[in-house]
C-alpha atoms as a PDB file:
ATOM      1  CA  UNK A   1      31.229   2.957 -22.214  1.00  0.00           C
ATOM      2  CA  UNK A   2      27.953   2.812 -24.079  1.00  0.00           C
ATOM      3  CA  UNK A   3      26.399   0.656 -21.341  1.00  0.00           C
ATOM      4  CA  UNK A   4      26.866   3.102 -18.460  1.00  0.00           C
ATOM      5  CA  UNK A   5      23.795   5.223 -17.578  1.00  0.00           C
ATOM      6  CA  UNK A   6      23.965   8.961 -18.125  1.00  0.00           C
ATOM      7  CA  UNK A   7      22.793   9.585 -14.545  1.00  0.00           C
ATOM      8  CA  UNK A   8      24.180   6.950 -12.191  1.00  0.00           C
ATOM      9  CA  UNK A   9      22.116   6.197  -9.108  1.00  0.00           C
ATOM     10  CA  UNK A  10      23.498   5.843  -5.562  1.00  0.00           C
ATOM     11  CA  UNK A  11      22.371   2.212  -5.420  1.00  0.00           C
ATOM     12  CA  UNK A  12      23.859   1.401  -8.803  1.00  0.00           C
ATOM     13  CA  UNK A  13      20.492   0.298 -10.195  1.00  0.00           C
ATOM     14  CA  UNK A  14      18.475   1.524 -13.101  1.00  0.00           C
ATOM     15  CA  UNK A  15      17.854   5.297 -13.227  1.00  0.00           C
ATOM     16  CA  UNK A  16      14.100   4.675 -13.656  1.00  0.00           C
ATOM     17  CA  UNK A  17      13.987   2.564 -10.479  1.00  0.00           C
ATOM     18  CA  UNK A  18      13.986   5.687  -8.302  1.00  0.00           C
ATOM     19  CA  UNK A  19      11.269   7.413 -10.330  1.00  0.00           C
ATOM     20  CA  UNK A  20       8.540   5.149  -8.861  1.00  0.00           C
ATOM     21  CA  UNK A  21       9.514   4.132  -5.305  1.00  0.00           C
ATOM     22  CA  UNK A  22       6.594   1.918  -4.296  1.00  0.00           C
ATOM     23  CA  UNK A  23       2.849   1.906  -4.684  1.00  0.00           C
ATOM     24  CA  UNK A  24       1.061   4.956  -6.102  1.00  0.00           C
ATOM     25  CA  UNK A  25      -0.714   7.311  -3.725  1.00  0.00           C
ATOM     26  CA  UNK A  26      -4.195   6.255  -4.919  1.00  0.00           C
ATOM     27  CA  UNK A  27      -3.444   2.607  -4.107  1.00  0.00           C
ATOM     28  CA  UNK A  28      -2.263   3.452  -0.594  1.00  0.00           C
ATOM     29  CA  UNK A  29      -5.307   5.659  -0.009  1.00  0.00           C
ATOM     30  CA  UNK A  30      -7.688   2.986  -1.297  1.00  0.00           C
ATOM     31  CA  UNK A  31      -6.042   0.349   0.895  1.00  0.00           C
ATOM     32  CA  UNK A  32      -6.287   2.500   4.013  1.00  0.00           C
ATOM     33  CA  UNK A  33      -9.928   3.371   3.293  1.00  0.00           C
ATOM     34  CA  UNK A  34     -10.838  -0.285   2.680  1.00  0.00           C
ATOM     35  CA  UNK A  35      -9.084  -1.362   5.868  1.00  0.00           C
ATOM     36  CA  UNK A  36     -10.846   1.319   7.890  1.00  0.00           C
ATOM     37  CA  UNK A  37     -14.241   0.353   6.427  1.00  0.00           C
ATOM     38  CA  UNK A  38     -13.610  -3.309   7.233  1.00  0.00           C
ATOM     39  CA  UNK A  39     -12.588  -2.464  10.779  1.00  0.00           C
ATOM     40  CA  UNK A  40     -15.708  -0.321  11.317  1.00  0.00           C
ATOM     41  CA  UNK A  41     -17.916  -3.092   9.894  1.00  0.00           C
ATOM     42  CA  UNK A  42     -16.370  -5.706  12.200  1.00  0.00           C
ATOM     43  CA  UNK A  43     -16.714  -3.470  15.260  1.00  0.00           C
ATOM     44  CA  UNK A  44     -20.356  -2.721  14.430  1.00  0.00           C
ATOM     45  CA  UNK A  45     -21.165  -6.392  13.870  1.00  0.00           C
ATOM     46  CA  UNK A  46     -19.517  -7.321  17.158  1.00  0.00           C
ATOM     47  CA  UNK A  47     -21.194  -4.585  19.227  1.00  0.00           C
ATOM     48  CA  UNK A  48     -24.613  -5.213  17.704  1.00  0.00           C
ATOM     49  CA  UNK A  49     -24.365  -8.950  18.426  1.00  0.00           C
ATOM     50  CA  UNK A  50     -24.489 -10.130  14.829  1.00  0.00           C
ATOM     51  CA  UNK A  51     -21.032 -11.517  14.312  1.00  0.00           C
ATOM     52  CA  UNK A  52     -17.931 -13.258  15.685  1.00  0.00           C
ATOM     53  CA  UNK A  53     -19.782 -16.549  16.219  1.00  0.00           C
ATOM     54  CA  UNK A  54     -21.364 -15.512  19.506  1.00  0.00           C
ATOM     55  CA  UNK A  55     -18.154 -15.422  21.502  1.00  0.00           C
END
């Protein structure tokens, strides 16, 4: 039984798989901030008449 992990996980995967469940907090924060900045820039360009191809 040398192959069995010392701390089995509920999903049966690697024990280290649960230590990092997804993207780090700084990446999520940076993504949200970049998305918000892009949205504000698009809204400003549209309201000031400088973008969206004149539609």
